[in-house]
Structures are given as structure tokens and as C-alpha cells.
PDB file of N, CA and C in Angstrom:
ATOM      1  N   MET A   1     108.029 113.914 128.288  1.00  0.00           N
ATOM      2  CA  MET A   1     108.174 112.409 128.599  1.00  0.00           C
ATOM      3  C   MET A   1     109.348 112.392 128.250  1.00  0.00           C
ATOM      4  N   ARG A   2     110.090 110.906 128.074  1.00  0.00           N
ATOM      5  CA  ARG A   2     111.313 110.931 127.672  1.00  0.00           C
ATOM      6  C   ARG A   2     110.501 109.584 125.746  1.00  0.00           C
ATOM      7  N   LEU A   3     111.410 109.866 125.474  1.00  0.00           N
ATOM      8  CA  LEU A   3     111.675 109.014 123.348  1.00  0.00           C
ATOM      9  C   LEU A   3     111.303 107.544 124.707  1.00  0.00           C
ATOM     10  N   GLU A   4     112.090 107.027 125.065  1.00  0.00           N
ATOM     11  CA  GLU A   4     112.214 105.565 125.436  1.00  0.00           C
ATOM     12  C   GLU A   4     109.988 105.623 126.456  1.00  0.00           C
ATOM     13  N   ARG A   5     109.855 105.774 126.703  1.00  0.00           N
ATOM     14  CA  ARG A   5     108.853 106.134 127.020  1.00  0.00           C
ATOM     15  C   ARG A   5     107.914 106.038 126.223  1.00  0.00           C
ATOM     16  N   VAL A   6     108.151 106.927 125.666  1.00  0.00           N
ATOM     17  CA  VAL A   6     107.200 107.309 124.906  1.00  0.00           C
ATOM     18  C   VAL A   6     106.512 106.486 122.952  1.00  0.00           C
ATOM     19  N   VAL A   7     107.951 105.750 123.248  1.00  0.00           N
ATOM     20  CA  VAL A   7     108.222 104.603 121.878  1.00  0.00           C
ATOM     21  C   VAL A   7     107.167 103.193 123.105  1.00  0.00           C
ATOM     22  N   SER A   8     108.245 103.099 123.680  1.00  0.00           N
ATOM     23  CA  SER A   8     107.387 101.730 125.236  1.00  0.00           C
ATOM     24  C   SER A   8     105.621 102.280 124.711  1.00  0.00           C
ATOM     25  N   LEU A   9     105.398 103.249 125.027  1.00  0.00           N
ATOM     26  CA  LEU A   9     104.003 103.025 125.390  1.00  0.00           C
ATOM     27  C   LEU A   9     103.060 103.457 123.963  1.00  0.00           C
ATOM     28  N   THR A  10     103.907 103.503 123.103  1.00  0.00           N
ATOM     29  CA  THR A  10     103.566 103.438 121.452  1.00  0.00           C
ATOM     30  C   THR A  10     103.581 101.998 121.216  1.00  0.00           C
ATOM     31  N   LEU A  11     104.591 100.975 121.587  1.00  0.00           N
ATOM     32  CA  LEU A  11     104.476  99.718 121.356  1.00  0.00           C
ATOM     33  C   LEU A  11     103.332  98.488 121.989  1.00  0.00           C
ATOM     34  N   ARG A  12     103.292  99.058 123.179  1.00  0.00           N
ATOM     35  CA  ARG A  12     102.216  98.121 124.231  1.00  0.00           C
ATOM     36  C   ARG A  12     100.546  98.891 123.940  1.00  0.00           C
ATOM     37  N   ILE A  13     100.160  99.946 123.145  1.00  0.00           N
ATOM     38  CA  ILE A  13      99.207 100.303 122.668  1.00  0.00           C
ATOM     39  C   ILE A  13      99.052  99.316 121.903  1.00  0.00           C
ATOM     40  N   GLY A  14      99.973  99.735 120.630  1.00  0.00           N
ATOM     41  CA  GLY A  14      99.841  99.281 119.528  1.00  0.00           C
ATOM     42  C   GLY A  14      99.203  97.694 119.497  1.00  0.00           C
ATOM     43  N   VAL A  15      99.874  97.249 120.763  1.00  0.00           N
ATOM     44  CA  VAL A  15     100.299  95.403 120.439  1.00  0.00           C
ATOM     45  C   VAL A  15      98.529  95.591 121.176  1.00  0.00           C
ATOM     46  N   ILE A  16      98.651  95.924 122.401  1.00  0.00           N
ATOM     47  CA  ILE A  16      96.923  95.453 123.563  1.00  0.00           C
ATOM     48  C   ILE A  16      95.691  96.001 122.328  1.00  0.00           C
ATOM     49  N   THR A  17      96.180  97.064 121.691  1.00  0.00           N
ATOM     50  CA  THR A  17      94.936  97.377 120.453  1.00  0.00           C
ATOM     51  C   THR A  17      94.830  96.232 119.563  1.00  0.00           C
ATOM     52  N   ALA A  18      95.445  95.839 118.750  1.00  0.00           N
ATOM     53  CA  ALA A  18      95.879  94.490 117.757  1.00  0.00           C
ATOM     54  C   ALA A  18      95.647  93.618 118.527  1.00  0.00           C
ATOM     55  N   SER A  19      95.394  93.644 119.545  1.00  0.00           N
ATOM     56  CA  SER A  19      95.029  92.054 120.277  1.00  0.00           C
ATOM     57  C   SER A  19      94.263  91.345 121.313  1.00  0.00           C
ATOM     58  N   VAL A  20      93.384  93.077 120.919  1.00  0.00           N
ATOM     59  CA  VAL A  20      92.122  92.734 121.376  1.00  0.00           C
ATOM     60  C   VAL A  20      90.853  92.775 120.226  1.00  0.00           C
ATOM     61  N   LEU A  21      91.630  93.843 119.218  1.00  0.00           N
ATOM     62  CA  LEU A  21      90.466  93.687 117.916  1.00  0.00           C
ATOM     63  C   LEU A  21      90.810  91.956 117.090  1.00  0.00           C
ATOM     64  N   VAL A  22      91.626  91.407 117.022  1.00  0.00           N
ATOM     65  CA  VAL A  22      91.773  90.233 117.171  1.00  0.00           C
ATOM     66  C   VAL A  22      91.152  89.179 118.061  1.00  0.00           C
ATOM     67  N   VAL A  23      91.080  89.360 119.191  1.00  0.00           N
ATOM     68  CA  VAL A  23      90.256  88.940 119.694  1.00  0.00           C
ATOM     69  C   VAL A  23      88.330  88.134 119.688  1.00  0.00           C
ATOM     70  N   ALA A  24      88.511  90.117 119.244  1.00  0.00           N
ATOM     71  CA  ALA A  24      86.946  90.546 119.646  1.00  0.00           C
ATOM     72  C   ALA A  24      86.908  90.121 118.513  1.00  0.00           C
ATOM     73  N   GLY A  25      87.601  90.576 117.361  1.00  0.00           N
ATOM     74  CA  GLY A  25      86.950  89.600 115.743  1.00  0.00           C
ATOM     75  C   GLY A  25      87.144  87.836 116.113  1.00  0.00           C
ATOM     76  N   LEU A  26      87.677  86.909 116.972  1.00  0.00           N
ATOM     77  CA  LEU A  26      87.330  85.824 116.970  1.00  0.00           C
ATOM     78  C   LEU A  26      86.318  85.272 117.491  1.00  0.00           C
ATOM     79  N   ILE A  27      85.834  85.558 118.091  1.00  0.00           N
ATOM     80  CA  ILE A  27      84.327  86.048 119.496  1.00  0.00           C
ATOM     81  C   ILE A  27      83.139  86.289 118.577  1.00  0.00           C
ATOM     82  N   LEU A  28      84.106  86.719 117.577  1.00  0.00           N
ATOM     83  CA  LEU A  28      81.922  87.655 116.819  1.00  0.00           C
ATOM     84  C   LEU A  28      81.529  86.036 115.524  1.00  0.00           C
ATOM     85  N   TYR A  29      83.305  86.043 115.000  1.00  0.00           N
ATOM     86  CA  TYR A  29      82.606  85.003 114.106  1.00  0.00           C
ATOM     87  C   TYR A  29      83.072  82.959 115.051  1.00  0.00           C
ATOM     88  N   PHE A  30      83.299  83.147 115.731  1.00  0.00           N
ATOM     89  CA  PHE A  30      82.944  81.599 116.303  1.00  0.00           C
ATOM     90  C   PHE A  30      81.215  82.008 116.475  1.00  0.00           C
ATOM     91  N   ALA A  31      81.263  83.229 117.138  1.00  0.00           N
ATOM     92  CA  ALA A  31      79.564  82.871 117.931  1.00  0.00           C
ATOM     93  C   ALA A  31      78.887  82.966 116.112  1.00  0.00           C
ATOM     94  N   GLU A  32      79.321  83.413 115.203  1.00  0.00           N
ATOM     95  CA  GLU A  32      78.124  83.224 114.377  1.00  0.00           C
ATOM     96  C   GLU A  32      78.250  81.877 113.470  1.00  0.00           C
ATOM     97  N   GLY A  33      78.717  81.132 114.277  1.00  0.00           N
ATOM     98  CA  GLY A  33      79.078  80.175 113.216  1.00  0.00           C
ATOM     99  C   GLY A  33      79.285  79.203 112.237  1.00  0.00           C
ATOM    100  N   ASP A  34      79.763  81.153 111.629  1.00  0.00           N
ATOM    101  CA  ASP A  34      80.101  80.727 110.240  1.00  0.00           C
ATOM    102  C   ASP A  34      81.720  80.264 109.979  1.00  0.00           C
ATOM    103  N   MET A  35      82.276  78.811 109.555  1.00  0.00           N
ATOM    104  CA  MET A  35      83.596  78.332 109.971  1.00  0.00           C
ATOM    105  C   MET A  35      84.348  78.183 109.073  1.00  0.00           C
ATOM    106  N   SER A  36      84.153  79.309 107.213  1.00  0.00           N
ATOM    107  CA  SER A  36      84.232  79.646 106.783  1.00  0.00           C
ATOM    108  C   SER A  36      85.863  79.844 106.454  1.00  0.00           C
ATOM    109  N   SER A  37      87.062  79.498 105.007  1.00  0.00           N
ATOM    110  CA  SER A  37      88.133  79.452 105.546  1.00  0.00           C
ATOM    111  C   SER A  37      88.057  80.975 105.286  1.00  0.00           C
ATOM    112  N   LEU A  38      89.892  80.869 105.628  1.00  0.00           N
ATOM    113  CA  LEU A  38      90.242  82.812 105.821  1.00  0.00           C
ATOM    114  C   LEU A  38      91.015  82.841 104.546  1.00  0.00           C
ATOM    115  N   VAL A  39      91.109  83.544 103.918  1.00  0.00           N
ATOM    116  CA  VAL A  39      92.462  83.966 103.357  1.00  0.00           C
ATOM    117  C   VAL A  39      92.395  84.875 102.238  1.00  0.00           C
ATOM    118  N   SER A  40      93.252  85.236 103.523  1.00  0.00           N
ATOM    119  CA  SER A  40      94.161  87.338 103.956  1.00  0.00           C
ATOM    120  C   SER A  40      94.413  88.059 102.746  1.00  0.00           C
ATOM    121  N   SER A  41      95.029  87.605 101.675  1.00  0.00           N
ATOM    122  CA  SER A  41      94.956  87.657  99.978  1.00  0.00           C
ATOM    123  C   SER A  41      93.486  88.463  98.988  1.00  0.00           C
ATOM    124  N   ASN A  42      93.364  87.788 100.337  1.00  0.00           N
ATOM    125  CA  ASN A  42      91.231  88.596  99.070  1.00  0.00           C
ATOM    126  C   ASN A  42      90.766  89.786  99.557  1.00  0.00           C
ATOM    127  N   PHE A  43      91.468  90.196 100.631  1.00  0.00           N
ATOM    128  CA  PHE A  43      91.305  91.218 101.753  1.00  0.00           C
ATOM    129  C   PHE A  43      92.120  92.615 101.073  1.00  0.00           C
ATOM    130  N   ASN A  44      90.951  93.913 101.243  1.00  0.00           N
ATOM    131  CA  ASN A  44      92.765  95.062 100.913  1.00  0.00           C
ATOM    132  C   ASN A  44      91.682  95.821 102.251  1.00  0.00           C
ATOM    133  N   VAL A  45      92.418  97.221 102.663  1.00  0.00           N
ATOM    134  CA  VAL A  45      91.963  98.453 102.812  1.00  0.00           C
ATOM    135  C   VAL A  45      90.457  98.426 103.013  1.00  0.00           C
ATOM    136  N   GLY A  46      90.306  99.075 101.707  1.00  0.00           N
ATOM    137  CA  GLY A  46      89.349  99.059 100.929  1.00  0.00           C
ATOM    138  C   GLY A  46      87.240  98.621 101.763  1.00  0.00           C
ATOM    139  N   GLN A  47      87.898  96.635 102.237  1.00  0.00           N
ATOM    140  CA  GLN A  47      87.120  95.842 102.101  1.00  0.00           C
ATOM    141  C   GLN A  47      86.760  96.270 103.445  1.00  0.00           C
ATOM    142  N   VAL A  48      88.243  95.937 104.393  1.00  0.00           N
ATOM    143  CA  VAL A  48      87.705  95.339 105.883  1.00  0.00           C
ATOM    144  C   VAL A  48      87.305  97.246 105.960  1.00  0.00           C
ATOM    145  N   LEU A  49      87.679  98.382 106.220  1.00  0.00           N
ATOM    146  CA  LEU A  49      87.023  99.804 106.616  1.00  0.00           C
ATOM    147  C   LEU A  49      85.195  99.051 105.757  1.00  0.00           C
ATOM    148  N   ALA A  50      84.996  98.099 104.755  1.00  0.00           N
ATOM    149  CA  ALA A  50      83.082  98.884 104.307  1.00  0.00           C
ATOM    150  C   ALA A  50      83.112  97.442 105.332  1.00  0.00           C
ATOM    151  N   GLY A  51      83.390  96.381 105.583  1.00  0.00           N
ATOM    152  CA  GLY A  51      83.390  95.324 106.559  1.00  0.00           C
ATOM    153  C   GLY A  51      83.111  96.082 108.220  1.00  0.00           C
ATOM    154  N   LEU A  52      84.318  97.218 108.528  1.00  0.00           N
ATOM    155  CA  LEU A  52      83.443  97.503 109.766  1.00  0.00           C
ATOM    156  C   LEU A  52      82.729  97.992 109.938  1.00  0.00           C
ATOM    157  N   ALA A  53      81.948  98.965 108.826  1.00  0.00           N
ATOM    158  CA  ALA A  53      80.253  99.447 109.123  1.00  0.00           C
ATOM    159  C   ALA A  53      79.667  98.219 108.982  1.00  0.00           C
ATOM    160  N   ARG A  54      79.978  97.055 109.112  1.00  0.00           N
ATOM    161  CA  ARG A  54      78.647  96.190 109.035  1.00  0.00           C
ATOM    162  C   ARG A  54      79.238  95.114 110.074  1.00  0.00           C
ATOM    163  N   ALA A  55      80.187  95.419 111.336  1.00  0.00           N
ATOM    164  CA  ALA A  55      80.756  94.774 111.865  1.00  0.00           C
ATOM    165  C   ALA A  55      80.685  92.869 111.810  1.00  0.00           C
ATOM    166  N   ASP A  56      81.406  92.886 110.391  1.00  0.00           N
ATOM    167  CA  ASP A  56      82.084  92.107 109.939  1.00  0.00           C
ATOM    168  C   ASP A  56      83.447  91.330 110.831  1.00  0.00           C
ATOM    169  N   PRO A  57      83.019  90.397 111.212  1.00  0.00           N
ATOM    170  CA  PRO A  57      84.354  89.067 112.349  1.00  0.00           C
ATOM    171  C   PRO A  57      85.397  89.614 111.439  1.00  0.00           C
ATOM    172  N   LEU A  58      85.930  88.973 110.376  1.00  0.00           N
ATOM    173  CA  LEU A  58      87.025  89.105 109.283  1.00  0.00           C
ATOM    174  C   LEU A  58      87.745  90.371 109.177  1.00  0.00           C
ATOM    175  N   SER A  59      86.714  91.377 108.978  1.00  0.00           N
ATOM    176  CA  SER A  59      87.645  92.671 108.832  1.00  0.00           C
ATOM    177  C   SER A  59      88.077  93.283 110.183  1.00  0.00           C
ATOM    178  N   ILE A  60      87.407  92.578 111.400  1.00  0.00           N
ATOM    179  CA  ILE A  60      87.641  92.878 112.717  1.00  0.00           C
ATOM    180  C   ILE A  60      88.586  92.825 113.213  1.00  0.00           C
ATOM    181  N   ILE A  61      89.379  91.544 112.804  1.00  0.00           N
ATOM    182  CA  ILE A  61      90.456  90.075 112.824  1.00  0.00           C
ATOM    183  C   ILE A  61      91.932  90.942 112.384  1.00  0.00           C
ATOM    184  N   PHE A  62      91.798  91.454 110.793  1.00  0.00           N
ATOM    185  CA  PHE A  62      91.881  91.744 109.667  1.00  0.00           C
ATOM    186  C   PHE A  62      92.779  93.513 110.569  1.00  0.00           C
ATOM    187  N   LEU A  63      91.268  94.245 110.851  1.00  0.00           N
ATOM    188  CA  LEU A  63      92.246  95.451 111.392  1.00  0.00           C
ATOM    189  C   LEU A  63      92.480  95.388 112.588  1.00  0.00           C
ATOM    190  N   GLY A  64      92.973  94.634 113.391  1.00  0.00           N
ATOM    191  CA  GLY A  64      93.786  93.480 114.461  1.00  0.00           C
ATOM    192  C   GLY A  64      95.219  93.790 113.570  1.00  0.00           C
ATOM    193  N   VAL A  65      95.289  92.528 112.451  1.00  0.00           N
ATOM    194  CA  VAL A  65      96.391  92.867 111.816  1.00  0.00           C
ATOM    195  C   VAL A  65      97.025  94.316 111.305  1.00  0.00           C
ATOM    196  N   ILE A  66      96.582  95.024 110.938  1.00  0.00           N
ATOM    197  CA  ILE A  66      97.367  96.317 109.955  1.00  0.00           C
ATOM    198  C   ILE A  66      97.514  97.444 111.499  1.00  0.00           C
ATOM    199  N   VAL A  67      96.985  97.008 112.577  1.00  0.00           N
ATOM    200  CA  VAL A  67      97.171  98.011 113.714  1.00  0.00           C
ATOM    201  C   VAL A  67      98.220  97.240 114.637  1.00  0.00           C
ATOM    202  N   LEU A  68      98.515  95.977 114.057  1.00  0.00           N
ATOM    203  CA  LEU A  68     100.092  95.436 114.714  1.00  0.00           C
ATOM    204  C   LEU A  68     100.966  95.504 113.658  1.00  0.00           C
ATOM    205  N   ILE A  69     100.442  95.808 112.557  1.00  0.00           N
ATOM    206  CA  ILE A  69     102.133  95.601 111.019  1.00  0.00           C
ATOM    207  C   ILE A  69     102.218  97.436 111.008  1.00  0.00           C
ATOM    208  N   ALA A  70     100.838  98.675 111.833  1.00  0.00           N
ATOM    209  CA  ALA A  70     101.188  99.871 112.149  1.00  0.00           C
ATOM    210  C   ALA A  70     102.129 100.400 112.824  1.00  0.00           C
ATOM    211  N   THR A  71     101.931  99.642 113.413  1.00  0.00           N
ATOM    212  CA  THR A  71     102.708  99.900 115.857  1.00  0.00           C
ATOM    213  C   THR A  71     104.061 100.219 115.328  1.00  0.00           C
ATOM    214  N   PRO A  72     105.295  98.942 114.249  1.00  0.00           N
ATOM    215  CA  PRO A  72     106.884  99.286 114.586  1.00  0.00           C
ATOM    216  C   PRO A  72     106.295 100.046 113.334  1.00  0.00           C
ATOM    217  N   LEU A  73     105.769 100.867 112.387  1.00  0.00           N
ATOM    218  CA  LEU A  73     106.368 102.000 111.844  1.00  0.00           C
ATOM    219  C   LEU A  73     105.747 103.300 113.029  1.00  0.00           C
ATOM    220  N   LEU A  74     104.931 103.383 113.410  1.00  0.00           N
ATOM    221  CA  LEU A  74     104.858 104.232 113.890  1.00  0.00           C
ATOM    222  C   LEU A  74     106.282 104.534 114.924  1.00  0.00           C
ATOM    223  N   ARG A  75     106.082 103.910 115.788  1.00  0.00           N
ATOM    224  CA  ARG A  75     107.968 103.740 116.030  1.00  0.00           C
ATOM    225  C   ARG A  75     108.684 104.263 115.693  1.00  0.00           C
ATOM    226  N   VAL A  76     109.133 103.634 114.308  1.00  0.00           N
ATOM    227  CA  VAL A  76     110.242 104.855 113.382  1.00  0.00           C
ATOM    228  C   VAL A  76     110.460 106.126 112.824  1.00  0.00           C
ATOM    229  N   LEU A  77     108.941 105.679 112.942  1.00  0.00           N
ATOM    230  CA  LEU A  77     108.229 107.809 112.509  1.00  0.00           C
ATOM    231  C   LEU A  77     109.063 108.586 114.530  1.00  0.00           C
ATOM    232  N   GLU A  78     108.308 108.071 115.609  1.00  0.00           N
ATOM    233  CA  GLU A  78     108.018 108.644 116.392  1.00  0.00           C
ATOM    234  C   GLU A  78     109.912 109.212 116.203  1.00  0.00           C
ATOM    235  N   LEU A  79     110.756 107.746 116.439  1.00  0.00           N
ATOM    236  CA  LEU A  79     112.500 107.991 116.531  1.00  0.00           C
ATOM    237  C   LEU A  79     112.298 109.290 114.900  1.00  0.00           C
ATOM    238  N   ALA A  80     112.707 109.054 113.961  1.00  0.00           N
ATOM    239  CA  ALA A  80     112.724 110.147 113.140  1.00  0.00           C
ATOM    240  C   ALA A  80     112.638 111.514 114.065  1.00  0.00           C
ATOM    241  N   LEU A  81     111.018 111.713 113.965  1.00  0.00           N
ATOM    242  CA  LEU A  81     111.003 112.568 114.789  1.00  0.00           C
ATOM    243  C   LEU A  81     111.564 113.194 115.585  1.00  0.00           C
ATOM    244  N   ASP A  82     111.886 111.938 116.853  1.00  0.00           N
ATOM    245  CA  ASP A  82     112.765 112.681 117.595  1.00  0.00           C
ATOM    246  C   ASP A  82     114.253 113.460 117.556  1.00  0.00           C
ATOM    247  N   TYR A  83     114.854 112.192 116.302  1.00  0.00           N
ATOM    248  CA  TYR A  83     116.334 113.367 115.591  1.00  0.00           C
ATOM    249  C   TYR A  83     116.098 114.284 115.014  1.00  0.00           C
ATOM    250  N   ALA A  84     115.348 114.502 114.139  1.00  0.00           N
ATOM    251  CA  ALA A  84     114.580 115.820 113.853  1.00  0.00           C
ATOM    252  C   ALA A  84     114.360 117.241 114.574  1.00  0.00           C
ATOM    253  N   TRP A  85     114.155 116.718 115.919  1.00  0.00           N
ATOM    254  CA  TRP A  85     113.869 117.232 116.891  1.00  0.00           C
ATOM    255  C   TRP A  85     115.359 117.830 117.359  1.00  0.00           C
ATOM    256  N   GLU A  86     116.214 116.711 118.099  1.00  0.00           N
ATOM    257  CA  GLU A  86     117.686 116.937 118.198  1.00  0.00           C
ATOM    258  C   GLU A  86     118.322 117.965 117.020  1.00  0.00           C
ATOM    259  N   ARG A  87     118.543 117.933 116.008  1.00  0.00           N
ATOM    260  CA  ARG A  87     118.887 118.118 114.628  1.00  0.00           C
ATOM    261  C   ARG A  87     119.845 117.375 115.063  1.00  0.00           C
ATOM    262  N   ASP A  88     119.475 116.068 114.597  1.00  0.00           N
ATOM    263  CA  ASP A  88     120.701 114.644 114.033  1.00  0.00           C
ATOM    264  C   ASP A  88     120.422 114.149 112.806  1.00  0.00           C
ATOM    265  N   ARG A  89     120.522 115.328 112.156  1.00  0.00           N
ATOM    266  CA  ARG A  89     121.521 114.875 109.914  1.00  0.00           C
ATOM    267  C   ARG A  89     120.849 112.896 110.302  1.00  0.00           C
ATOM    268  N   ILE A  90     122.050 112.558 110.903  1.00  0.00           N
ATOM    269  CA  ILE A  90     122.780 111.424 110.651  1.00  0.00           C
ATOM    270  C   ILE A  90     121.155 110.181 111.236  1.00  0.00           C
ATOM    271  N   TYR A  91     120.893 110.534 111.874  1.00  0.00           N
ATOM    272  CA  TYR A  91     119.636 109.786 112.445  1.00  0.00           C
ATOM    273  C   TYR A  91     118.112 109.739 111.756  1.00  0.00           C
ATOM    274  N   VAL A  92     118.073 110.892 111.301  1.00  0.00           N
ATOM    275  CA  VAL A  92     116.348 111.163 110.463  1.00  0.00           C
ATOM    276  C   VAL A  92     117.232 110.319 110.018  1.00  0.00           C
ATOM    277  N   LEU A  93     118.070 110.574 108.537  1.00  0.00           N
ATOM    278  CA  LEU A  93     118.138 110.233 107.346  1.00  0.00           C
ATOM    279  C   LEU A  93     118.778 108.374 107.690  1.00  0.00           C
ATOM    280  N   LEU A  94     118.731 108.261 108.419  1.00  0.00           N
ATOM    281  CA  LEU A  94     118.433 106.488 108.755  1.00  0.00           C
ATOM    282  C   LEU A  94     117.489 106.424 108.903  1.00  0.00           C
ATOM    283  N   SER A  95     116.445 106.529 109.800  1.00  0.00           N
ATOM    284  CA  SER A  95     115.592 106.129 110.641  1.00  0.00           C
ATOM    285  C   SER A  95     114.358 106.539 109.525  1.00  0.00           C
ATOM    286  N   LEU A  96     114.835 107.373 108.377  1.00  0.00           N
ATOM    287  CA  LEU A  96     113.962 107.926 107.324  1.00  0.00           C
ATOM    288  C   LEU A  96     113.947 106.079 106.248  1.00  0.00           C
ATOM    289  N   ILE A  97     115.169 105.901 106.293  1.00  0.00           N
ATOM    290  CA  ILE A  97     115.705 104.601 105.129  1.00  0.00           C
ATOM    291  C   ILE A  97     114.954 103.549 105.599  1.00  0.00           C
ATOM    292  N   VAL A  98     114.480 103.261 106.784  1.00  0.00           N
ATOM    293  CA  VAL A  98     114.211 101.631 107.351  1.00  0.00           C
ATOM    294  C   VAL A  98     112.718 102.087 107.432  1.00  0.00           C
ATOM    295  N   LEU A  99     112.309 103.354 107.516  1.00  0.00           N
ATOM    296  CA  LEU A  99     110.866 103.537 107.297  1.00  0.00           C
ATOM    297  C   LEU A  99     110.523 103.240 106.330  1.00  0.00           C
ATOM    298  N   VAL A 100     111.261 103.602 105.136  1.00  0.00           N
ATOM    299  CA  VAL A 100     110.609 103.946 103.509  1.00  0.00           C
ATOM    300  C   VAL A 100     110.338 101.828 103.212  1.00  0.00           C
ATOM    301  N   LEU A 101     111.834 101.413 103.570  1.00  0.00           N
ATOM    302  CA  LEU A 101     111.574 100.043 103.466  1.00  0.00           C
ATOM    303  C   LEU A 101     110.861  99.116 103.867  1.00  0.00           C
ATOM    304  N   MET A 102     110.681  99.281 104.782  1.00  0.00           N
ATOM    305  CA  MET A 102     109.569  99.199 105.582  1.00  0.00           C
ATOM    306  C   MET A 102     108.208  98.355 105.164  1.00  0.00           C
ATOM    307  N   VAL A 103     108.223 100.310 104.363  1.00  0.00           N
ATOM    308  CA  VAL A 103     106.287 100.536 103.831  1.00  0.00           C
ATOM    309  C   VAL A 103     106.904  99.902 102.264  1.00  0.00           C
ATOM    310  N   VAL A 104     107.587  99.647 101.743  1.00  0.00           N
ATOM    311  CA  VAL A 104     108.310  98.493 100.625  1.00  0.00           C
ATOM    312  C   VAL A 104     107.621  97.873 100.596  1.00  0.00           C
ATOM    313  N   GLY A 105     109.009  96.823 102.258  1.00  0.00           N
ATOM    314  CA  GLY A 105     108.215  95.776 102.057  1.00  0.00           C
ATOM    315  C   GLY A 105     106.915  95.776 101.550  1.00  0.00           C
ATOM    316  N   ILE A 106     105.677  96.156 103.064  1.00  0.00           N
ATOM    317  CA  ILE A 106     104.255  96.110 103.394  1.00  0.00           C
ATOM    318  C   ILE A 106     104.165  95.866 102.218  1.00  0.00           C
ATOM    319  N   VAL A 107     104.065  96.929 101.644  1.00  0.00           N
ATOM    320  CA  VAL A 107     103.149  97.340  99.797  1.00  0.00           C
ATOM    321  C   VAL A 107     103.009  96.332  99.116  1.00  0.00           C
ATOM    322  N   LEU A 108     104.164  96.602  98.622  1.00  0.00           N
ATOM    323  CA  LEU A 108     105.157  95.953  97.006  1.00  0.00           C
ATOM    324  C   LEU A 108     105.114  94.423  97.144  1.00  0.00           C
ATOM    325  N   LEU A 109     105.817  93.632  97.876  1.00  0.00           N
ATOM    326  CA  LEU A 109     106.069  92.952  98.494  1.00  0.00           C
ATOM    327  C   LEU A 109     104.878  91.798  98.212  1.00  0.00           C
ATOM    328  N   PRO A 110     104.188  90.595  97.904  1.00  0.00           N
ATOM    329  CA  PRO A 110     103.449  90.118  97.497  1.00  0.00           C
ATOM    330  C   PRO A 110     102.979  89.094  98.438  1.00  0.00           C
ATOM    331  N   LEU A 111     101.841  89.262  98.526  1.00  0.00           N
ATOM    332  CA  LEU A 111     101.232  89.040  99.753  1.00  0.00           C
ATOM    333  C   LEU A 111     100.542  86.982 100.168  1.00  0.00           C
ATOM    334  N   GLU A 112     101.794  86.726  98.852  1.00  0.00           N
ATOM    335  CA  GLU A 112     100.677  84.581  98.754  1.00  0.00           C
ATOM    336  C   GLU A 112     101.479  84.452  98.276  1.00  0.00           C
ATOM    337  N   VAL A 113     101.903  83.677  99.105  1.00  0.00           N
ATOM    338  CA  VAL A 113     103.674  82.675  98.693  1.00  0.00           C
ATOM    339  C   VAL A 113     103.216  81.947  97.945  1.00  0.00           C
ATOM    340  N   PRO A 114     103.551  81.360  96.723  1.00  0.00           N
ATOM    341  CA  PRO A 114     103.064  80.004  95.731  1.00  0.00           C
ATOM    342  C   PRO A 114     103.340  78.985  96.646  1.00  0.00           C
TER     343      PRO A 114
END
């Protein structure tokens, strides 16, 4: 399978999966009738995983957001692996730099803007 098809398929699957999770979580959220406010800075991955075991609607929504964030990361990783397979060191290095910058931006930057 060509690289373009793999990357395209990854993006499609990621966006569709994230959309299904967010919509399913919203349906459950409104079905429960709990209209409490939603604060994303109070959630972490551990809480999301614990909430998934209870089928918590907010955890399902946040899992959809996590999948959506992870989709471009996976795309850049796929490109780096393809460049490594082709032995193109410059593009492997550039792809890994982009990947590191993306991860740093997601993990280290604050989630809440004052």
C-alpha cells in the first residue's frame, strides 16, 4: 500500500473514531440529564480510563478528543517510519523533530488559559 493511502486511511479512521466517540458521549451525557459544567483541565488520562470502566459520558467524550489529538501524531510517526525504510536520514530527522515538537506542545503547555 502506498504511503499516501496509509496516511489518508489513518486520518480518516482517526477522525471517524473520534467523532463517533464524542457523539456517543454527548448522547449519553444528555440522556442522563446531568447538565453540569464541563471543565477539561480537571481531567487526566487516568481519570478518563477509570471513567470508561463506568461508561461515564464525559470520559467517552474526552477519549474522542484524545483520539483526535493522537491522529496527527500517528501520521507524523508513519511518515518518519516510511522515510527510515527509504533510508532518507534528513526527512527522518525532520519528521522526528516535528513529532517531538508536537508532543512537547501537547504535554508541556498549560491546558488552561487565564
